[in-house]
Amino acid sequence: MKSIHKIMVGCDFSKYSKETLECAVALTEKLQADLIIANIINKKEIDTILRVAEGQFDRNIEKYVEKTAQEYETRVKADRTRQMEKLIEEIGCAHLSIKKVFKVGVPFQELIRAVEDEGADMLVMGQKGRSDLVDVLFGSTAEKVFRRCPVPLLSVRPQKQ
């Protein structure tokens, strides 16, 4: 079996994220690996901001909306970095080597790209995420990643309360 030196965990800040991160931290500590926390900013959110400019005849408005979309991405990254720091503090894993990665795009595609870009040896992710209703209609991000992930993937199922 190939050694595991880098563990990536997908973190979408859903109600399952803390439990998923705790599992990844436990593995990281046992295997003395590095931890990478990946968050994907869904491109649909940014596209929605840009669509506001569609149909406008004033090019100044379009430039403003485009600038706003860029500012939105910067603001989201800063907010999610704070959320990651809070989770890291709650779990008590600040002593680990942790890298934070943000990507923008289609979540399942960008998560797989992050695995490849970072050279992760394993991916840990929750079985469920933010959008349960959308998952029922179109298939979940987790399901798509499971089918395409180039490295071993650990699915963390929510504990029954």
N, C-alpha and C. Protein backbone atom coordinates (compact mmCIF):
# COMPACT_ATOMS: atom_id res chain seq x y z
N MET A 1 0.84 -1.19 0.00
CA MET A 1 0.00 0.00 0.00
C MET A 1 0.88 1.25 0.00
N LYS A 2 0.48 2.22 -0.77
CA LYS A 2 1.20 3.48 -0.87
C LYS A 2 1.11 4.25 0.45
N SER A 3 2.21 4.86 0.84
CA SER A 3 2.21 5.68 2.06
C SER A 3 1.33 6.91 1.87
N ILE A 4 0.74 7.33 2.97
CA ILE A 4 -0.11 8.52 2.93
C ILE A 4 0.61 9.64 3.67
N HIS A 5 1.01 10.67 2.90
CA HIS A 5 1.74 11.80 3.46
C HIS A 5 0.91 13.09 3.49
N LYS A 6 -0.07 13.16 2.58
CA LYS A 6 -0.93 14.35 2.50
C LYS A 6 -2.38 13.90 2.46
N ILE A 7 -3.15 14.42 3.41
CA ILE A 7 -4.58 14.12 3.46
C ILE A 7 -5.33 15.42 3.18
N MET A 8 -6.21 15.36 2.19
CA MET A 8 -7.04 16.52 1.88
C MET A 8 -8.44 16.25 2.42
N VAL A 9 -9.04 17.28 2.99
CA VAL A 9 -10.42 17.17 3.46
C VAL A 9 -11.24 18.26 2.77
N GLY A 10 -12.36 17.85 2.19
CA GLY A 10 -13.28 18.80 1.57
C GLY A 10 -14.15 19.42 2.65
N CYS A 11 -14.16 20.73 2.70
CA CYS A 11 -14.89 21.43 3.76
C CYS A 11 -15.82 22.45 3.13
N ASP A 12 -17.13 22.23 3.26
CA ASP A 12 -18.11 23.15 2.67
C ASP A 12 -18.88 23.94 3.73
N PHE A 13 -18.49 23.78 4.99
CA PHE A 13 -19.10 24.48 6.12
C PHE A 13 -20.57 24.12 6.32
N SER A 14 -20.94 22.93 5.88
CA SER A 14 -22.27 22.43 6.18
C SER A 14 -22.27 21.94 7.62
N LYS A 15 -23.42 21.44 8.07
CA LYS A 15 -23.50 20.95 9.45
C LYS A 15 -22.66 19.69 9.65
N TYR A 16 -22.18 19.08 8.58
CA TYR A 16 -21.36 17.87 8.67
C TYR A 16 -19.86 18.16 8.65
N SER A 17 -19.48 19.38 8.40
CA SER A 17 -18.07 19.71 8.20
C SER A 17 -17.19 19.46 9.42
N LYS A 18 -17.68 19.78 10.60
CA LYS A 18 -16.85 19.61 11.80
C LYS A 18 -16.52 18.13 12.00
N GLU A 19 -17.51 17.28 11.87
CA GLU A 19 -17.30 15.84 12.05
C GLU A 19 -16.33 15.29 10.99
N THR A 20 -16.46 15.77 9.78
CA THR A 20 -15.57 15.33 8.69
C THR A 20 -14.14 15.79 8.96
N LEU A 21 -13.99 17.03 9.39
CA LEU A 21 -12.65 17.54 9.71
C LEU A 21 -12.04 16.79 10.89
N GLU A 22 -12.85 16.48 11.90
CA GLU A 22 -12.35 15.71 13.05
C GLU A 22 -11.79 14.36 12.60
N CYS A 23 -12.48 13.71 11.69
CA CYS A 23 -12.03 12.42 11.17
C CYS A 23 -10.71 12.58 10.42
N ALA A 24 -10.62 13.59 9.59
CA ALA A 24 -9.39 13.84 8.84
C ALA A 24 -8.23 14.17 9.77
N VAL A 25 -8.50 14.92 10.82
CA VAL A 25 -7.46 15.27 11.80
C VAL A 25 -6.96 14.01 12.50
N ALA A 26 -7.88 13.13 12.90
CA ALA A 26 -7.49 11.89 13.57
C ALA A 26 -6.58 11.06 12.66
N LEU A 27 -6.95 10.95 11.40
CA LEU A 27 -6.11 10.22 10.44
C LEU A 27 -4.75 10.89 10.26
N THR A 28 -4.77 12.20 10.14
CA THR A 28 -3.53 12.97 9.97
C THR A 28 -2.58 12.73 11.13
N GLU A 29 -3.12 12.74 12.34
CA GLU A 29 -2.28 12.53 13.52
C GLU A 29 -1.73 11.09 13.55
N LYS A 30 -2.57 10.12 13.29
CA LYS A 30 -2.14 8.72 13.31
C LYS A 30 -1.08 8.43 12.26
N LEU A 31 -1.25 9.02 11.08
CA LEU A 31 -0.33 8.75 9.98
C LEU A 31 0.82 9.75 9.89
N GLN A 32 0.82 10.73 10.79
CA GLN A 32 1.83 11.79 10.80
C GLN A 32 1.94 12.44 9.42
N ALA A 33 0.80 12.78 8.88
CA ALA A 33 0.71 13.36 7.54
C ALA A 33 0.46 14.86 7.64
N ASP A 34 0.48 15.51 6.49
CA ASP A 34 0.10 16.92 6.39
C ASP A 34 -1.38 16.97 6.05
N LEU A 35 -2.05 18.02 6.51
CA LEU A 35 -3.48 18.18 6.28
C LEU A 35 -3.72 19.37 5.35
N ILE A 36 -4.55 19.14 4.36
CA ILE A 36 -4.96 20.20 3.44
C ILE A 36 -6.48 20.32 3.54
N ILE A 37 -6.94 21.52 3.86
CA ILE A 37 -8.38 21.77 3.91
C ILE A 37 -8.76 22.51 2.63
N ALA A 38 -9.65 21.91 1.85
CA ALA A 38 -10.04 22.49 0.57
C ALA A 38 -11.49 22.97 0.62
N ASN A 39 -11.71 24.16 0.11
CA ASN A 39 -13.05 24.72 0.00
C ASN A 39 -13.24 25.21 -1.42
N ILE A 40 -14.38 24.89 -1.98
CA ILE A 40 -14.68 25.28 -3.35
C ILE A 40 -15.78 26.35 -3.34
N ILE A 41 -15.49 27.46 -3.97
CA ILE A 41 -16.49 28.51 -4.14
C ILE A 41 -17.22 28.17 -5.44
N ASN A 42 -18.50 27.90 -5.32
CA ASN A 42 -19.28 27.48 -6.47
C ASN A 42 -19.36 28.62 -7.49
N LYS A 43 -18.92 28.35 -8.70
CA LYS A 43 -18.92 29.35 -9.77
C LYS A 43 -20.31 29.89 -10.04
N LYS A 44 -21.34 29.10 -9.74
CA LYS A 44 -22.72 29.56 -9.95
C LYS A 44 -23.01 30.81 -9.13
N GLU A 45 -22.43 30.90 -7.94
CA GLU A 45 -22.66 32.09 -7.10
C GLU A 45 -22.10 33.34 -7.78
N ILE A 46 -20.91 33.23 -8.33
CA ILE A 46 -20.28 34.37 -9.00
C ILE A 46 -21.00 34.68 -10.30
N ASP A 47 -21.39 33.63 -11.03
CA ASP A 47 -22.12 33.83 -12.29
C ASP A 47 -23.43 34.59 -12.05
N THR A 48 -24.07 34.33 -10.93
CA THR A 48 -25.31 35.03 -10.60
C THR A 48 -25.07 36.53 -10.49
N ILE A 49 -23.98 36.89 -9.86
CA ILE A 49 -23.64 38.32 -9.74
C ILE A 49 -23.39 38.92 -11.13
N LEU A 50 -22.68 38.18 -11.96
CA LEU A 50 -22.38 38.69 -13.30
C LEU A 50 -23.63 38.78 -14.18
N ARG A 51 -24.61 37.91 -13.96
CA ARG A 51 -25.85 37.93 -14.75
C ARG A 51 -26.65 39.20 -14.52
N VAL A 52 -26.44 39.80 -13.38
CA VAL A 52 -27.14 41.06 -13.09
C VAL A 52 -26.81 42.08 -14.17
N ALA A 53 -25.61 41.99 -14.73
CA ALA A 53 -25.20 42.96 -15.75
C ALA A 53 -25.78 42.67 -17.13
N GLU A 54 -26.27 41.44 -17.33
CA GLU A 54 -26.80 41.10 -18.66
C GLU A 54 -27.99 42.00 -19.01
N GLY A 55 -28.04 42.38 -20.25
CA GLY A 55 -29.15 43.20 -20.72
C GLY A 55 -28.98 44.68 -20.41
N GLN A 56 -27.93 45.04 -19.73
CA GLN A 56 -27.69 46.45 -19.43
C GLN A 56 -26.98 47.10 -20.61
N PHE A 57 -27.34 48.30 -20.93
CA PHE A 57 -26.72 49.00 -22.05
C PHE A 57 -25.57 49.88 -21.58
N ASP A 58 -25.52 50.17 -20.32
CA ASP A 58 -24.48 51.03 -19.77
C ASP A 58 -23.27 50.18 -19.40
N ARG A 59 -22.20 50.31 -20.15
CA ARG A 59 -20.98 49.51 -19.91
C ARG A 59 -20.38 49.80 -18.54
N ASN A 60 -20.59 50.95 -18.00
CA ASN A 60 -20.08 51.27 -16.66
C ASN A 60 -20.70 50.36 -15.62
N ILE A 61 -21.98 50.06 -15.77
CA ILE A 61 -22.66 49.15 -14.83
C ILE A 61 -22.06 47.76 -14.94
N GLU A 62 -21.82 47.30 -16.18
CA GLU A 62 -21.22 45.97 -16.36
C GLU A 62 -19.85 45.89 -15.70
N LYS A 63 -19.04 46.92 -15.86
CA LYS A 63 -17.71 46.93 -15.23
C LYS A 63 -17.84 46.91 -13.71
N TYR A 64 -18.82 47.66 -13.19
CA TYR A 64 -19.03 47.68 -11.75
C TYR A 64 -19.43 46.30 -11.23
N VAL A 65 -20.36 45.64 -11.94
CA VAL A 65 -20.82 44.31 -11.50
C VAL A 65 -19.67 43.32 -11.57
N GLU A 66 -18.84 43.40 -12.64
CA GLU A 66 -17.70 42.50 -12.75
C GLU A 66 -16.73 42.74 -11.59
N LYS A 67 -16.50 44.00 -11.26
CA LYS A 67 -15.64 44.32 -10.13
C LYS A 67 -16.25 43.78 -8.84
N THR A 68 -17.56 43.91 -8.71
CA THR A 68 -18.26 43.41 -7.54
C THR A 68 -18.11 41.89 -7.43
N ALA A 69 -18.15 41.18 -8.56
CA ALA A 69 -17.97 39.72 -8.54
C ALA A 69 -16.58 39.36 -8.03
N GLN A 70 -15.58 40.10 -8.46
CA GLN A 70 -14.22 39.85 -7.98
C GLN A 70 -14.12 40.16 -6.49
N GLU A 71 -14.75 41.24 -6.08
CA GLU A 71 -14.76 41.59 -4.66
C GLU A 71 -15.51 40.54 -3.86
N TYR A 72 -16.58 40.01 -4.42
CA TYR A 72 -17.35 38.95 -3.77
C TYR A 72 -16.46 37.74 -3.52
N GLU A 73 -15.71 37.31 -4.53
CA GLU A 73 -14.82 36.17 -4.38
C GLU A 73 -13.78 36.41 -3.28
N THR A 74 -13.20 37.61 -3.26
CA THR A 74 -12.23 37.95 -2.23
C THR A 74 -12.86 37.93 -0.84
N ARG A 75 -14.06 38.48 -0.75
CA ARG A 75 -14.79 38.53 0.53
C ARG A 75 -15.15 37.12 1.01
N VAL A 76 -15.60 36.26 0.09
CA VAL A 76 -15.97 34.89 0.44
C VAL A 76 -14.74 34.13 0.93
N LYS A 77 -13.62 34.28 0.25
CA LYS A 77 -12.38 33.60 0.68
C LYS A 77 -11.98 34.04 2.09
N ALA A 78 -12.07 35.32 2.36
CA ALA A 78 -11.71 35.83 3.69
C ALA A 78 -12.66 35.28 4.75
N ASP A 79 -13.96 35.28 4.44
CA ASP A 79 -14.95 34.76 5.38
C ASP A 79 -14.74 33.27 5.64
N ARG A 80 -14.49 32.52 4.59
CA ARG A 80 -14.30 31.08 4.75
C ARG A 80 -12.98 30.76 5.44
N THR A 81 -11.99 31.60 5.27
CA THR A 81 -10.74 31.41 6.01
C THR A 81 -11.01 31.56 7.51
N ARG A 82 -11.81 32.56 7.87
CA ARG A 82 -12.18 32.74 9.28
C ARG A 82 -12.95 31.53 9.80
N GLN A 83 -13.86 31.01 8.99
CA GLN A 83 -14.63 29.83 9.40
C GLN A 83 -13.70 28.63 9.59
N MET A 84 -12.72 28.47 8.70
CA MET A 84 -11.75 27.38 8.85
C MET A 84 -10.97 27.52 10.14
N GLU A 85 -10.50 28.74 10.40
CA GLU A 85 -9.74 28.98 11.63
C GLU A 85 -10.57 28.64 12.87
N LYS A 86 -11.85 29.00 12.82
CA LYS A 86 -12.74 28.70 13.95
C LYS A 86 -12.88 27.18 14.12
N LEU A 87 -13.08 26.45 13.03
CA LEU A 87 -13.18 24.98 13.10
C LEU A 87 -11.88 24.37 13.64
N ILE A 88 -10.76 24.86 13.15
CA ILE A 88 -9.45 24.36 13.60
C ILE A 88 -9.30 24.58 15.10
N GLU A 89 -9.72 25.75 15.57
CA GLU A 89 -9.65 26.07 17.00
C GLU A 89 -10.59 25.17 17.81
N GLU A 90 -11.82 24.98 17.32
CA GLU A 90 -12.79 24.15 18.03
C GLU A 90 -12.30 22.70 18.17
N ILE A 91 -11.69 22.20 17.12
CA ILE A 91 -11.22 20.81 17.12
C ILE A 91 -9.91 20.67 17.88
N GLY A 92 -9.16 21.76 17.98
CA GLY A 92 -7.89 21.73 18.70
C GLY A 92 -6.77 21.09 17.90
N CYS A 93 -6.69 21.45 16.62
CA CYS A 93 -5.67 20.83 15.77
C CYS A 93 -4.70 21.86 15.17
N ALA A 94 -4.58 23.01 15.80
CA ALA A 94 -3.71 24.06 15.28
C ALA A 94 -2.24 23.63 15.27
N HIS A 95 -1.91 22.60 16.04
CA HIS A 95 -0.52 22.12 16.10
C HIS A 95 -0.11 21.36 14.84
N LEU A 96 -1.07 20.99 14.00
CA LEU A 96 -0.77 20.24 12.78
C LEU A 96 -0.31 21.17 11.67
N SER A 97 0.38 20.58 10.69
CA SER A 97 0.73 21.31 9.47
C SER A 97 -0.52 21.35 8.60
N ILE A 98 -1.14 22.52 8.51
CA ILE A 98 -2.41 22.64 7.78
C ILE A 98 -2.26 23.67 6.67
N LYS A 99 -2.65 23.28 5.47
CA LYS A 99 -2.68 24.19 4.33
C LYS A 99 -4.13 24.40 3.95
N LYS A 100 -4.51 25.64 3.65
CA LYS A 100 -5.87 25.96 3.23
C LYS A 100 -5.85 26.26 1.73
N VAL A 101 -6.76 25.61 1.01
CA VAL A 101 -6.83 25.76 -0.44
C VAL A 101 -8.24 26.19 -0.82
N PHE A 102 -8.32 27.21 -1.67
CA PHE A 102 -9.61 27.66 -2.20
C PHE A 102 -9.56 27.57 -3.71
N LYS A 103 -10.64 27.08 -4.29
CA LYS A 103 -10.77 27.04 -5.75
C LYS A 103 -12.16 27.54 -6.10
N VAL A 104 -12.29 28.04 -7.31
CA VAL A 104 -13.57 28.53 -7.81
C VAL A 104 -13.95 27.71 -9.02
N GLY A 105 -15.18 27.20 -9.03
CA GLY A 105 -15.64 26.44 -10.18
C GLY A 105 -16.74 25.47 -9.81
N VAL A 106 -16.89 24.43 -10.61
CA VAL A 106 -17.86 23.38 -10.33
C VAL A 106 -17.28 22.55 -9.19
N PRO A 107 -17.99 22.44 -8.06
CA PRO A 107 -17.40 21.84 -6.86
C PRO A 107 -16.72 20.48 -7.05
N PHE A 108 -17.39 19.52 -7.69
CA PHE A 108 -16.76 18.20 -7.79
C PHE A 108 -15.51 18.25 -8.68
N GLN A 109 -15.55 19.04 -9.74
CA GLN A 109 -14.38 19.14 -10.63
C GLN A 109 -13.21 19.82 -9.92
N GLU A 110 -13.50 20.88 -9.20
CA GLU A 110 -12.43 21.63 -8.54
C GLU A 110 -11.84 20.86 -7.36
N LEU A 111 -12.66 20.07 -6.69
CA LEU A 111 -12.14 19.25 -5.59
C LEU A 111 -11.17 18.20 -6.13
N ILE A 112 -11.52 17.58 -7.22
CA ILE A 112 -10.62 16.60 -7.85
C ILE A 112 -9.35 17.30 -8.35
N ARG A 113 -9.50 18.47 -8.94
CA ARG A 113 -8.33 19.24 -9.39
C ARG A 113 -7.43 19.61 -8.21
N ALA A 114 -8.03 19.96 -7.09
CA ALA A 114 -7.25 20.30 -5.89
C ALA A 114 -6.45 19.09 -5.40
N VAL A 115 -7.06 17.91 -5.42
CA VAL A 115 -6.37 16.68 -5.04
C VAL A 115 -5.13 16.51 -5.91
N GLU A 116 -5.31 16.67 -7.21
CA GLU A 116 -4.20 16.50 -8.16
C GLU A 116 -3.15 17.60 -7.98
N ASP A 117 -3.59 18.86 -7.90
CA ASP A 117 -2.66 19.98 -7.78
C ASP A 117 -1.80 19.90 -6.53
N GLU A 118 -2.41 19.46 -5.43
CA GLU A 118 -1.71 19.43 -4.14
C GLU A 118 -0.97 18.10 -3.90
N GLY A 119 -1.17 17.14 -4.77
CA GLY A 119 -0.51 15.85 -4.61
C GLY A 119 -1.00 15.09 -3.38
N ALA A 120 -2.29 15.23 -3.08
CA ALA A 120 -2.86 14.54 -1.92
C ALA A 120 -2.86 13.04 -2.17
N ASP A 121 -2.64 12.29 -1.10
CA ASP A 121 -2.63 10.83 -1.18
C ASP A 121 -3.98 10.23 -0.79
N MET A 122 -4.83 11.05 -0.16
CA MET A 122 -6.15 10.59 0.27
C MET A 122 -7.07 11.79 0.39
N LEU A 123 -8.35 11.56 0.10
CA LEU A 123 -9.36 12.60 0.25
C LEU A 123 -10.38 12.14 1.28
N VAL A 124 -10.72 13.03 2.19
CA VAL A 124 -11.76 12.76 3.19
C VAL A 124 -12.87 13.77 2.93
N MET A 125 -14.10 13.28 2.83
CA MET A 125 -15.21 14.21 2.65
C MET A 125 -16.49 13.64 3.23
N GLY A 126 -17.39 14.52 3.53
CA GLY A 126 -18.67 14.11 4.08
C GLY A 126 -19.55 13.51 3.01
N GLN A 127 -20.45 12.68 3.45
CA GLN A 127 -21.39 12.04 2.54
C GLN A 127 -22.44 13.06 2.08
N LYS A 128 -22.72 14.01 2.93
CA LYS A 128 -23.71 15.04 2.62
C LYS A 128 -23.06 16.40 2.77
N GLY A 129 -23.67 17.38 2.12
CA GLY A 129 -23.14 18.73 2.19
C GLY A 129 -24.24 19.74 2.37
N ARG A 130 -24.06 20.89 1.75
CA ARG A 130 -24.98 22.02 1.92
C ARG A 130 -26.33 21.84 1.28
N SER A 131 -26.41 21.16 0.16
CA SER A 131 -27.62 21.23 -0.66
C SER A 131 -28.33 19.89 -0.80
N ASP A 132 -28.97 19.43 0.26
CA ASP A 132 -29.63 18.13 0.23
C ASP A 132 -30.71 18.03 -0.86
N LEU A 133 -31.54 19.06 -1.06
CA LEU A 133 -32.61 18.99 -2.06
C LEU A 133 -32.03 18.91 -3.47
N VAL A 134 -31.04 19.73 -3.76
CA VAL A 134 -30.41 19.70 -5.07
C VAL A 134 -29.81 18.31 -5.32
N ASP A 135 -29.23 17.70 -4.28
CA ASP A 135 -28.63 16.37 -4.41
C ASP A 135 -29.65 15.33 -4.85
N VAL A 136 -30.85 15.42 -4.30
CA VAL A 136 -31.90 14.46 -4.64
C VAL A 136 -32.25 14.60 -6.12
N LEU A 137 -32.27 15.82 -6.63
CA LEU A 137 -32.67 16.06 -8.01
C LEU A 137 -31.56 15.80 -9.02
N PHE A 138 -30.32 16.17 -8.68
CA PHE A 138 -29.25 16.14 -9.67
C PHE A 138 -28.05 15.27 -9.31
N GLY A 139 -28.00 14.67 -8.15
CA GLY A 139 -26.83 13.89 -7.73
C GLY A 139 -25.89 14.78 -6.94
N SER A 140 -25.31 14.22 -5.93
CA SER A 140 -24.50 15.03 -5.02
C SER A 140 -23.08 15.22 -5.53
N THR A 141 -22.45 16.27 -5.02
CA THR A 141 -21.04 16.50 -5.28
C THR A 141 -20.26 15.28 -4.80
N ALA A 142 -20.58 14.78 -3.63
CA ALA A 142 -19.86 13.62 -3.08
C ALA A 142 -19.94 12.44 -4.03
N GLU A 143 -21.11 12.17 -4.54
CA GLU A 143 -21.29 11.04 -5.45
C GLU A 143 -20.43 11.20 -6.70
N LYS A 144 -20.37 12.40 -7.24
CA LYS A 144 -19.57 12.66 -8.44
C LYS A 144 -18.08 12.52 -8.14
N VAL A 145 -17.66 12.99 -6.98
CA VAL A 145 -16.25 12.85 -6.60
C VAL A 145 -15.91 11.38 -6.40
N PHE A 146 -16.79 10.63 -5.74
CA PHE A 146 -16.54 9.20 -5.50
C PHE A 146 -16.26 8.47 -6.80
N ARG A 147 -16.99 8.82 -7.84
CA ARG A 147 -16.82 8.13 -9.12
C ARG A 147 -15.53 8.51 -9.84
N ARG A 148 -14.98 9.68 -9.55
CA ARG A 148 -13.86 10.19 -10.35
C ARG A 148 -12.56 10.41 -9.58
N CYS A 149 -12.57 10.27 -8.27
CA CYS A 149 -11.40 10.61 -7.45
C CYS A 149 -10.20 9.72 -7.79
N PRO A 150 -9.03 10.33 -8.04
CA PRO A 150 -7.85 9.56 -8.42
C PRO A 150 -7.09 8.94 -7.24
N VAL A 151 -7.51 9.23 -6.02
CA VAL A 151 -6.85 8.68 -4.83
C VAL A 151 -7.89 8.03 -3.93
N PRO A 152 -7.46 7.23 -2.94
CA PRO A 152 -8.43 6.66 -2.01
C PRO A 152 -9.26 7.77 -1.36
N LEU A 153 -10.54 7.48 -1.18
CA LEU A 153 -11.46 8.47 -0.64
C LEU A 153 -12.19 7.87 0.56
N LEU A 154 -12.20 8.61 1.65
CA LEU A 154 -12.91 8.19 2.84
C LEU A 154 -14.18 9.01 2.97
N SER A 155 -15.32 8.32 3.01
CA SER A 155 -16.60 8.98 3.17
C SER A 155 -16.98 8.97 4.64
N VAL A 156 -17.18 10.14 5.21
CA VAL A 156 -17.56 10.27 6.61
C VAL A 156 -19.07 10.41 6.68
N ARG A 157 -19.69 9.45 7.31
CA ARG A 157 -21.14 9.48 7.45
C ARG A 157 -21.50 10.18 8.76
N PRO A 158 -22.55 10.98 8.73
CA PRO A 158 -22.94 11.69 9.96
C PRO A 158 -23.33 10.70 11.06
N GLN A 159 -22.89 10.98 12.28
CA GLN A 159 -23.25 10.15 13.42
C GLN A 159 -24.70 10.44 13.80
N LYS A 160 -25.42 9.42 14.15
CA LYS A 160 -26.80 9.62 14.60
C LYS A 160 -26.78 10.17 16.01
N GLN A 161 -27.57 11.19 16.22
CA GLN A 161 -27.61 11.86 17.52
C GLN A 161 -28.51 11.12 18.48
